[in-house]
Structures are given as structure tokens and as C-alpha cells.
């Protein structure tokens, strides 16, 4: 039995467009622009997500933190939505 050789096709590298620092500069400019855009909202205590997100998740996080401080590892939260605690963490 003879083994037939398998032809391999050489892979070409992706061509780099411009110097490497251009990507870093674009990322920096976008990050600075987003910071400038959202800074007033975040600085005054607002959030990027509205609605009841704080009223829903904050009590769950407080419940979990209190239980951990007492040395307990809760698996169920009967105070909010009566769900397993793993569901509310993620």
C-alpha cells in the first residue's frame, strides 16, 4: 500500500494596510469620542441603560453580597423573582 502525498497550498499573510500604529490611533480616537459623548450622563449618576434595570438587579446584588458577608453561599433568592441565584448573576 502506498500513501499518496497531499498537496498543501501555501497560505498567504493578510496584507497590512498602512503602518501598525494607524489601528491604535483609530481605536484611541473612537474611545475618546465615546468618552466625550457619554461623560455628562455618566458623571451625573446616570447610566447607559434605562428603565428598571437598577430596581431589578441592584437588590439581587445586595442580597448576594450580604449572604457572602455572612459566610453563606445562597443558591436561591426568594426575595426577587424567586429564581436560582446563578440565573440572576449573569
PDB file of N, CA and C in Angstrom:
ATOM      1  N   UNK A   1       0.822  -1.175   0.000  1.00  0.00           N
ATOM      2  CA  UNK A   1       0.000   0.000   0.000  1.00  0.00           C
ATOM      3  C   UNK A   1       0.871   1.246   0.000  1.00  0.00           C
ATOM      4  N   UNK A   2       0.582   2.112  -0.916  1.00  0.00           N
ATOM      5  CA  UNK A   2       1.371   3.345  -0.956  1.00  0.00           C
ATOM      6  C   UNK A   2       0.498   4.516  -0.502  1.00  0.00           C
ATOM      7  N   UNK A   3       1.137   5.437   0.128  1.00  0.00           N
ATOM      8  CA  UNK A   3       0.439   6.616   0.627  1.00  0.00           C
ATOM      9  C   UNK A   3       0.654   7.744  -0.366  1.00  0.00           C
ATOM     10  N   UNK A   4      -0.440   8.330  -0.796  1.00  0.00           N
ATOM     11  CA  UNK A   4      -0.293   9.416  -1.760  1.00  0.00           C
ATOM     12  C   UNK A   4       0.000  10.725  -1.021  1.00  0.00           C
ATOM     13  N   UNK A   5       0.918  11.482  -1.540  1.00  0.00           N
ATOM     14  CA  UNK A   5       1.249  12.756  -0.880  1.00  0.00           C
ATOM     15  C   UNK A   5       0.088  13.744  -1.024  1.00  0.00           C
ATOM     16  N   UNK A   6      -0.114  14.504   0.001  1.00  0.00           N
ATOM     17  CA  UNK A   6      -1.173  15.504   0.000  1.00  0.00           C
ATOM     18  C   UNK A   6      -0.543  16.845  -0.348  1.00  0.00           C
ATOM     19  N   UNK A   7      -1.109  17.472  -1.334  1.00  0.00           N
ATOM     20  CA  UNK A   7      -0.576  18.769  -1.737  1.00  0.00           C
ATOM     21  C   UNK A   7      -1.057  19.832  -0.756  1.00  0.00           C
ATOM     22  N   UNK A   8      -0.156  20.656  -0.318  1.00  0.00           N
ATOM     23  CA  UNK A   8      -0.515  21.750   0.583  1.00  0.00           C
ATOM     24  C   UNK A   8      -0.420  23.054  -0.181  1.00  0.00           C
ATOM     25  N   UNK A   9      -1.384  23.885   0.071  1.00  0.00           N
ATOM     26  CA  UNK A   9      -1.406  25.192  -0.573  1.00  0.00           C
ATOM     27  C   UNK A   9      -0.807  26.196   0.399  1.00  0.00           C
ATOM     28  N   UNK A  10       0.213  26.904  -0.024  1.00  0.00           N
ATOM     29  CA  UNK A  10       0.801  27.880   0.896  1.00  0.00           C
ATOM     30  C   UNK A  10      -0.199  28.993   1.201  1.00  0.00           C
ATOM     31  N   UNK A  11      -0.301  29.325   2.469  1.00  0.00           N
ATOM     32  CA  UNK A  11      -1.214  30.394   2.874  1.00  0.00           C
ATOM     33  C   UNK A  11      -0.488  31.720   2.823  1.00  0.00           C
ATOM     34  N   UNK A  12      -1.180  32.679   2.300  1.00  0.00           N
ATOM     35  CA  UNK A  12      -0.569  33.996   2.246  1.00  0.00           C
ATOM     36  C   UNK A  12      -1.002  34.792   3.467  1.00  0.00           C
ATOM     37  N   UNK A  13      -0.145  35.654   3.915  1.00  0.00           N
ATOM     38  CA  UNK A  13      -0.451  36.504   5.053  1.00  0.00           C
ATOM     39  C   UNK A  13      -1.403  37.610   4.620  1.00  0.00           C
ATOM     40  N   UNK A  14      -2.280  38.032   5.529  1.00  0.00           N
ATOM     41  CA  UNK A  14      -3.129  39.182   5.171  1.00  0.00           C
ATOM     42  C   UNK A  14      -2.266  40.416   4.981  1.00  0.00           C
ATOM     43  N   UNK A  15      -2.577  41.148   3.958  1.00  0.00           N
ATOM     44  CA  UNK A  15      -1.774  42.317   3.653  1.00  0.00           C
ATOM     45  C   UNK A  15      -2.099  43.437   4.632  1.00  0.00           C
ATOM     46  N   UNK A  16      -1.073  44.018   5.204  1.00  0.00           N
ATOM     47  CA  UNK A  16      -1.254  45.100   6.159  1.00  0.00           C
ATOM     48  C   UNK A  16      -1.410  46.405   5.387  1.00  0.00           C
ATOM     49  N   UNK A  17      -2.441  47.142   5.733  1.00  0.00           N
ATOM     50  CA  UNK A  17      -2.692  48.416   5.073  1.00  0.00           C
ATOM     51  C   UNK A  17      -2.188  49.521   5.975  1.00  0.00           C
ATOM     52  N   UNK A  18      -1.145  50.160   5.600  1.00  0.00           N
ATOM     53  CA  UNK A  18      -0.589  51.253   6.388  1.00  0.00           C
ATOM     54  C   UNK A  18       0.235  50.747   7.559  1.00  0.00           C
ATOM     55  N   UNK A  19       0.817  51.688   8.279  1.00  0.00           N
ATOM     56  CA  UNK A  19       1.632  51.319   9.439  1.00  0.00           C
ATOM     57  C   UNK A  19       0.776  50.713  10.557  1.00  0.00           C
ATOM     58  N   UNK A  20       1.411  50.010  11.469  1.00  0.00           N
ATOM     59  CA  UNK A  20       0.703  49.333  12.552  1.00  0.00           C
ATOM     60  C   UNK A  20       0.080  50.321  13.532  1.00  0.00           C
ATOM     61  N   UNK A  21       0.633  51.496  13.661  1.00  0.00           N
ATOM     62  CA  UNK A  21       0.120  52.455  14.644  1.00  0.00           C
ATOM     63  C   UNK A  21      -1.192  53.099  14.210  1.00  0.00           C
ATOM     64  N   UNK A  22      -1.585  52.928  12.971  1.00  0.00           N
ATOM     65  CA  UNK A  22      -2.832  53.533  12.494  1.00  0.00           C
ATOM     66  C   UNK A  22      -4.035  52.905  13.209  1.00  0.00           C
ATOM     67  N   UNK A  23      -4.033  51.599  13.385  1.00  0.00           N
ATOM     68  CA  UNK A  23      -5.121  50.928  14.096  1.00  0.00           C
ATOM     69  C   UNK A  23      -5.235  51.397  15.541  1.00  0.00           C
ATOM     70  N   UNK A  24      -4.092  51.569  16.194  1.00  0.00           N
ATOM     71  CA  UNK A  24      -4.092  52.054  17.575  1.00  0.00           C
ATOM     72  C   UNK A  24      -4.614  53.482  17.644  1.00  0.00           C
ATOM     73  N   UNK A  25      -4.259  54.297  16.672  1.00  0.00           N
ATOM     74  CA  UNK A  25      -4.714  55.678  16.651  1.00  0.00           C
ATOM     75  C   UNK A  25      -6.219  55.767  16.427  1.00  0.00           C
ATOM     76  N   UNK A  26      -6.746  54.952  15.535  1.00  0.00           N
ATOM     77  CA  UNK A  26      -8.194  54.938  15.283  1.00  0.00           C
ATOM     78  C   UNK A  26      -8.938  54.490  16.543  1.00  0.00           C
ATOM     79  N   UNK A  27      -8.427  53.461  17.217  1.00  0.00           N
ATOM     80  CA  UNK A  27      -9.045  52.991  18.456  1.00  0.00           C
ATOM     81  C   UNK A  27      -9.040  54.075  19.519  1.00  0.00           C
ATOM     82  N   UNK A  28      -7.951  54.789  19.647  1.00  0.00           N
ATOM     83  CA  UNK A  28      -7.844  55.875  20.624  1.00  0.00           C
ATOM     84  C   UNK A  28      -8.823  57.001  20.312  1.00  0.00           C
ATOM     85  N   UNK A  29      -8.964  57.345  19.047  1.00  0.00           N
ATOM     86  CA  UNK A  29      -9.885  58.419  18.655  1.00  0.00           C
ATOM     87  C   UNK A  29     -11.336  58.009  18.927  1.00  0.00           C
ATOM     88  N   UNK A  30     -11.684  56.776  18.618  1.00  0.00           N
ATOM     89  CA  UNK A  30     -13.048  56.301  18.874  1.00  0.00           C
ATOM     90  C   UNK A  30     -13.326  56.268  20.377  1.00  0.00           C
ATOM     91  N   UNK A  31     -12.375  55.801  21.164  1.00  0.00           N
ATOM     92  CA  UNK A  31     -12.554  55.747  22.617  1.00  0.00           C
ATOM     93  C   UNK A  31     -12.704  57.152  23.198  1.00  0.00           C
ATOM     94  N   UNK A  32     -11.901  58.099  22.725  1.00  0.00           N
ATOM     95  CA  UNK A  32     -12.012  59.478  23.209  1.00  0.00           C
ATOM     96  C   UNK A  32     -13.349  60.090  22.810  1.00  0.00           C
ATOM     97  N   UNK A  33     -13.803  59.804  21.609  1.00  0.00           N
ATOM     98  CA  UNK A  33     -15.096  60.332  21.165  1.00  0.00           C
ATOM     99  C   UNK A  33     -16.251  59.785  21.982  1.00  0.00           C
ATOM    100  N   UNK A  34     -16.244  58.486  22.262  1.00  0.00           N
ATOM    101  CA  UNK A  34     -17.306  57.891  23.074  1.00  0.00           C
ATOM    102  C   UNK A  34     -17.264  58.402  24.514  1.00  0.00           C
ATOM    103  N   UNK A  35     -16.068  58.597  25.034  1.00  0.00           N
ATOM    104  CA  UNK A  35     -15.945  59.159  26.382  1.00  0.00           C
ATOM    105  C   UNK A  35     -16.512  60.566  26.417  1.00  0.00           C
ATOM    106  N   UNK A  36     -16.195  61.380  25.426  1.00  0.00           N
ATOM    107  CA  UNK A  36     -16.710  62.743  25.366  1.00  0.00           C
ATOM    108  C   UNK A  36     -18.229  62.747  25.220  1.00  0.00           C
ATOM    109  N   UNK A  37     -18.761  61.820  24.446  1.00  0.00           N
ATOM    110  CA  UNK A  37     -20.193  61.760  24.205  1.00  0.00           C
ATOM    111  C   UNK A  37     -20.979  61.358  25.452  1.00  0.00           C
ATOM    112  N   UNK A  38     -20.501  60.350  26.183  1.00  0.00           N
ATOM    113  CA  UNK A  38     -21.251  59.814  27.314  1.00  0.00           C
ATOM    114  C   UNK A  38     -20.800  60.339  28.667  1.00  0.00           C
ATOM    115  N   UNK A  39     -19.772  61.173  28.724  1.00  0.00           N
ATOM    116  CA  UNK A  39     -19.253  61.654  30.003  1.00  0.00           C
ATOM    117  C   UNK A  39     -20.299  62.396  30.831  1.00  0.00           C
ATOM    118  N   UNK A  40     -21.052  63.358  30.287  1.00  0.00           N
ATOM    119  CA  UNK A  40     -22.016  64.077  31.133  1.00  0.00           C
ATOM    120  C   UNK A  40     -23.065  63.146  31.754  1.00  0.00           C
ATOM    121  N   UNK A  41     -23.543  62.181  31.010  1.00  0.00           N
ATOM    122  CA  UNK A  41     -24.542  61.254  31.530  1.00  0.00           C
ATOM    123  C   UNK A  41     -23.977  60.407  32.658  1.00  0.00           C
ATOM    124  N   UNK A  42     -22.782  59.883  32.470  1.00  0.00           N
ATOM    125  CA  UNK A  42     -22.184  59.022  33.482  1.00  0.00           C
ATOM    126  C   UNK A  42     -21.708  59.822  34.695  1.00  0.00           C
ATOM    127  N   UNK A  43     -21.232  61.037  34.493  1.00  0.00           N
ATOM    128  CA  UNK A  43     -20.710  61.853  35.590  1.00  0.00           C
ATOM    129  C   UNK A  43     -21.832  62.283  36.542  1.00  0.00           C
ATOM    130  N   UNK A  44     -23.032  62.507  36.027  1.00  0.00           N
ATOM    131  CA  UNK A  44     -24.136  62.951  36.876  1.00  0.00           C
ATOM    132  C   UNK A  44     -24.890  61.786  37.497  1.00  0.00           C
ATOM    133  N   UNK A  45     -24.395  60.592  37.398  1.00  0.00           N
ATOM    134  CA  UNK A  45     -25.010  59.446  38.052  1.00  0.00           C
ATOM    135  C   UNK A  45     -25.963  58.669  37.172  1.00  0.00           C
ATOM    136  N   UNK A  46     -26.073  59.041  35.946  1.00  0.00           N
ATOM    137  CA  UNK A  46     -26.958  58.320  35.040  1.00  0.00           C
ATOM    138  C   UNK A  46     -26.313  57.041  34.558  1.00  0.00           C
ATOM    139  N   UNK A  47     -27.015  56.334  33.766  1.00  0.00           N
ATOM    140  CA  UNK A  47     -26.494  55.101  33.210  1.00  0.00           C
ATOM    141  C   UNK A  47     -26.798  55.024  31.732  1.00  0.00           C
ATOM    142  N   UNK A  48     -26.137  54.129  31.076  1.00  0.00           N
ATOM    143  CA  UNK A  48     -26.355  53.955  29.649  1.00  0.00           C
ATOM    144  C   UNK A  48     -27.583  53.109  29.369  1.00  0.00           C
ATOM    145  N   UNK A  49     -28.058  52.392  30.389  1.00  0.00           N
ATOM    146  CA  UNK A  49     -29.234  51.550  30.233  1.00  0.00           C
ATOM    147  C   UNK A  49     -30.325  52.129  31.116  1.00  0.00           C
ATOM    148  N   UNK A  50     -31.466  52.372  30.559  1.00  0.00           N
ATOM    149  CA  UNK A  50     -32.536  52.978  31.340  1.00  0.00           C
ATOM    150  C   UNK A  50     -33.550  51.955  31.803  1.00  0.00           C
ATOM    151  N   UNK A  51     -34.667  52.459  32.266  1.00  0.00           N
ATOM    152  CA  UNK A  51     -35.745  51.584  32.695  1.00  0.00           C
ATOM    153  C   UNK A  51     -35.563  51.078  34.102  1.00  0.00           C
ATOM    154  N   UNK A  52     -35.978  49.856  34.315  1.00  0.00           N
ATOM    155  CA  UNK A  52     -35.965  49.301  35.662  1.00  0.00           C
ATOM    156  C   UNK A  52     -34.750  48.422  35.946  1.00  0.00           C
ATOM    157  N   UNK A  53     -33.713  48.589  35.193  1.00  0.00           N
ATOM    158  CA  UNK A  53     -32.553  47.726  35.368  1.00  0.00           C
ATOM    159  C   UNK A  53     -31.943  47.858  36.761  1.00  0.00           C
ATOM    160  N   UNK A  54     -31.909  49.088  37.309  1.00  0.00           N
ATOM    161  CA  UNK A  54     -31.346  49.286  38.644  1.00  0.00           C
ATOM    162  C   UNK A  54     -32.281  48.747  39.712  1.00  0.00           C
ATOM    163  N   UNK A  55     -33.577  48.890  39.522  1.00  0.00           N
ATOM    164  CA  UNK A  55     -34.548  48.409  40.503  1.00  0.00           C
ATOM    165  C   UNK A  55     -34.622  46.896  40.532  1.00  0.00           C
ATOM    166  N   UNK A  56     -34.224  46.260  39.464  1.00  0.00           N
ATOM    167  CA  UNK A  56     -34.289  44.806  39.397  1.00  0.00           C
ATOM    168  C   UNK A  56     -32.994  44.154  39.855  1.00  0.00           C
ATOM    169  N   UNK A  57     -31.864  44.602  39.324  1.00  0.00           N
ATOM    170  CA  UNK A  57     -30.602  43.923  39.592  1.00  0.00           C
ATOM    171  C   UNK A  57     -29.919  44.366  40.881  1.00  0.00           C
ATOM    172  N   UNK A  58     -30.090  45.609  41.292  1.00  0.00           N
ATOM    173  CA  UNK A  58     -29.407  46.076  42.492  1.00  0.00           C
ATOM    174  C   UNK A  58     -29.831  45.304  43.741  1.00  0.00           C
ATOM    175  N   UNK A  59     -31.131  45.050  43.979  1.00  0.00           N
ATOM    176  CA  UNK A  59     -31.483  44.240  45.155  1.00  0.00           C
ATOM    177  C   UNK A  59     -30.909  42.822  45.099  1.00  0.00           C
ATOM    178  N   UNK A  60     -30.809  42.246  43.920  1.00  0.00           N
ATOM    179  CA  UNK A  60     -30.234  40.908  43.806  1.00  0.00           C
ATOM    180  C   UNK A  60     -28.765  40.915  44.179  1.00  0.00           C
ATOM    181  N   UNK A  61     -28.042  41.911  43.688  1.00  0.00           N
ATOM    182  CA  UNK A  61     -26.614  42.003  44.003  1.00  0.00           C
ATOM    183  C   UNK A  61     -26.407  42.260  45.485  1.00  0.00           C
ATOM    184  N   UNK A  62     -27.263  43.098  46.093  1.00  0.00           N
ATOM    185  CA  UNK A  62     -27.164  43.377  47.523  1.00  0.00           C
ATOM    186  C   UNK A  62     -27.455  42.118  48.337  1.00  0.00           C
ATOM    187  N   UNK A  63     -28.471  41.360  47.942  1.00  0.00           N
ATOM    188  CA  UNK A  63     -28.798  40.105  48.624  1.00  0.00           C
ATOM    189  C   UNK A  63     -27.618  39.147  48.576  1.00  0.00           C
ATOM    190  N   UNK A  64     -27.023  39.011  47.420  1.00  0.00           N
ATOM    191  CA  UNK A  64     -25.897  38.090  47.253  1.00  0.00           C
ATOM    192  C   UNK A  64     -24.690  38.556  48.068  1.00  0.00           C
ATOM    193  N   UNK A  65     -24.412  39.860  48.060  1.00  0.00           N
ATOM    194  CA  UNK A  65     -23.283  40.390  48.817  1.00  0.00           C
ATOM    195  C   UNK A  65     -23.482  40.196  50.319  1.00  0.00           C
ATOM    196  N   UNK A  66     -24.688  40.434  50.806  1.00  0.00           N
ATOM    197  CA  UNK A  66     -24.966  40.240  52.231  1.00  0.00           C
ATOM    198  C   UNK A  66     -24.803  38.777  52.637  1.00  0.00           C
ATOM    199  N   UNK A  67     -25.281  37.876  51.798  1.00  0.00           N
ATOM    200  CA  UNK A  67     -25.153  36.454  52.104  1.00  0.00           C
ATOM    201  C   UNK A  67     -23.691  36.029  52.131  1.00  0.00           C
ATOM    202  N   UNK A  68     -22.901  36.523  51.210  1.00  0.00           N
ATOM    203  CA  UNK A  68     -21.475  36.181  51.197  1.00  0.00           C
ATOM    204  C   UNK A  68     -20.763  36.747  52.412  1.00  0.00           C
ATOM    205  N   UNK A  69     -21.158  37.942  52.863  1.00  0.00           N
ATOM    206  CA  UNK A  69     -20.550  38.520  54.064  1.00  0.00           C
ATOM    207  C   UNK A  69     -20.892  37.708  55.313  1.00  0.00           C
ATOM    208  N   UNK A  70     -22.068  37.085  55.329  1.00  0.00           N
ATOM    209  CA  UNK A  70     -22.452  36.230  56.455  1.00  0.00           C
ATOM    210  C   UNK A  70     -21.799  34.848  56.368  1.00  0.00           C
ATOM    211  N   UNK A  71     -21.082  34.590  55.289  1.00  0.00           N
ATOM    212  CA  UNK A  71     -20.416  33.306  55.126  1.00  0.00           C
ATOM    213  C   UNK A  71     -21.297  32.247  54.490  1.00  0.00           C
ATOM    214  N   UNK A  72     -22.389  32.649  53.884  1.00  0.00           N
ATOM    215  CA  UNK A  72     -23.305  31.720  53.230  1.00  0.00           C
ATOM    216  C   UNK A  72     -23.107  31.785  51.717  1.00  0.00           C
ATOM    217  N   UNK A  73     -23.416  30.688  51.056  1.00  0.00           N
ATOM    218  CA  UNK A  73     -23.407  30.660  49.601  1.00  0.00           C
ATOM    219  C   UNK A  73     -24.833  30.365  49.147  1.00  0.00           C
ATOM    220  N   UNK A  74     -25.610  31.405  48.874  1.00  0.00           N
ATOM    221  CA  UNK A  74     -27.017  31.181  48.536  1.00  0.00           C
ATOM    222  C   UNK A  74     -27.160  30.559  47.146  1.00  0.00           C
ATOM    223  N   UNK A  75     -28.098  29.663  47.018  1.00  0.00           N
ATOM    224  CA  UNK A  75     -28.380  29.061  45.722  1.00  0.00           C
ATOM    225  C   UNK A  75     -29.751  29.484  45.212  1.00  0.00           C
ATOM    226  N   UNK A  76     -30.535  30.134  46.082  1.00  0.00           N
ATOM    227  CA  UNK A  76     -31.878  30.540  45.704  1.00  0.00           C
ATOM    228  C   UNK A  76     -32.170  31.895  46.318  1.00  0.00           C
ATOM    229  N   UNK A  77     -32.817  32.772  45.581  1.00  0.00           N
ATOM    230  CA  UNK A  77     -33.170  34.098  46.071  1.00  0.00           C
ATOM    231  C   UNK A  77     -34.692  34.211  46.076  1.00  0.00           C
ATOM    232  N   UNK A  78     -35.287  34.126  47.249  1.00  0.00           N
ATOM    233  CA  UNK A  78     -36.739  34.210  47.359  1.00  0.00           C
ATOM    234  C   UNK A  78     -37.241  35.646  47.430  1.00  0.00           C
ATOM    235  N   UNK A  79     -36.340  36.603  47.554  1.00  0.00           N
ATOM    236  CA  UNK A  79     -36.756  37.993  47.688  1.00  0.00           C
ATOM    237  C   UNK A  79     -37.125  38.628  46.355  1.00  0.00           C
ATOM    238  N   UNK A  80     -36.385  38.302  45.307  1.00  0.00           N
ATOM    239  CA  UNK A  80     -36.608  38.915  43.997  1.00  0.00           C
ATOM    240  C   UNK A  80     -36.821  37.818  42.967  1.00  0.00           C
ATOM    241  N   UNK A  81     -37.980  37.742  42.413  1.00  0.00           N
ATOM    242  CA  UNK A  81     -38.322  36.867  41.293  1.00  0.00           C
ATOM    243  C   UNK A  81     -38.254  35.382  41.601  1.00  0.00           C
ATOM    244  N   UNK A  82     -37.845  34.999  42.798  1.00  0.00           N
ATOM    245  CA  UNK A  82     -37.780  33.607  43.216  1.00  0.00           C
ATOM    246  C   UNK A  82     -37.092  32.732  42.162  1.00  0.00           C
ATOM    247  N   UNK A  83     -35.875  33.105  41.833  1.00  0.00           N
ATOM    248  CA  UNK A  83     -35.077  32.376  40.841  1.00  0.00           C
ATOM    249  C   UNK A  83     -33.817  31.824  41.476  1.00  0.00           C
ATOM    250  N   UNK A  84     -33.214  30.830  40.875  1.00  0.00           N
ATOM    251  CA  UNK A  84     -31.890  30.409  41.343  1.00  0.00           C
ATOM    252  C   UNK A  84     -30.917  31.568  41.223  1.00  0.00           C
ATOM    253  N   UNK A  85     -30.030  31.693  42.163  1.00  0.00           N
ATOM    254  CA  UNK A  85     -29.123  32.848  42.204  1.00  0.00           C
ATOM    255  C   UNK A  85     -28.199  32.863  40.992  1.00  0.00           C
ATOM    256  N   UNK A  86     -27.868  31.707  40.440  1.00  0.00           N
ATOM    257  CA  UNK A  86     -26.992  31.671  39.262  1.00  0.00           C
ATOM    258  C   UNK A  86     -27.637  32.351  38.063  1.00  0.00           C
ATOM    259  N   UNK A  87     -28.960  32.333  37.979  1.00  0.00           N
ATOM    260  CA  UNK A  87     -29.655  32.975  36.875  1.00  0.00           C
ATOM    261  C   UNK A  87     -29.516  34.486  36.961  1.00  0.00           C
ATOM    262  N   UNK A  88     -29.539  35.028  38.171  1.00  0.00           N
ATOM    263  CA  UNK A  88     -29.510  36.482  38.318  1.00  0.00           C
ATOM    264  C   UNK A  88     -28.114  37.063  38.278  1.00  0.00           C
ATOM    265  N   UNK A  89     -27.083  36.237  38.319  1.00  0.00           N
ATOM    266  CA  UNK A  89     -25.719  36.754  38.302  1.00  0.00           C
ATOM    267  C   UNK A  89     -25.231  37.066  36.905  1.00  0.00           C
ATOM    268  N   UNK A  90     -25.782  36.431  35.913  1.00  0.00           N
ATOM    269  CA  UNK A  90     -25.247  36.595  34.565  1.00  0.00           C
ATOM    270  C   UNK A  90     -26.219  37.269  33.666  1.00  0.00           C
TER     271      UNK A  90
END
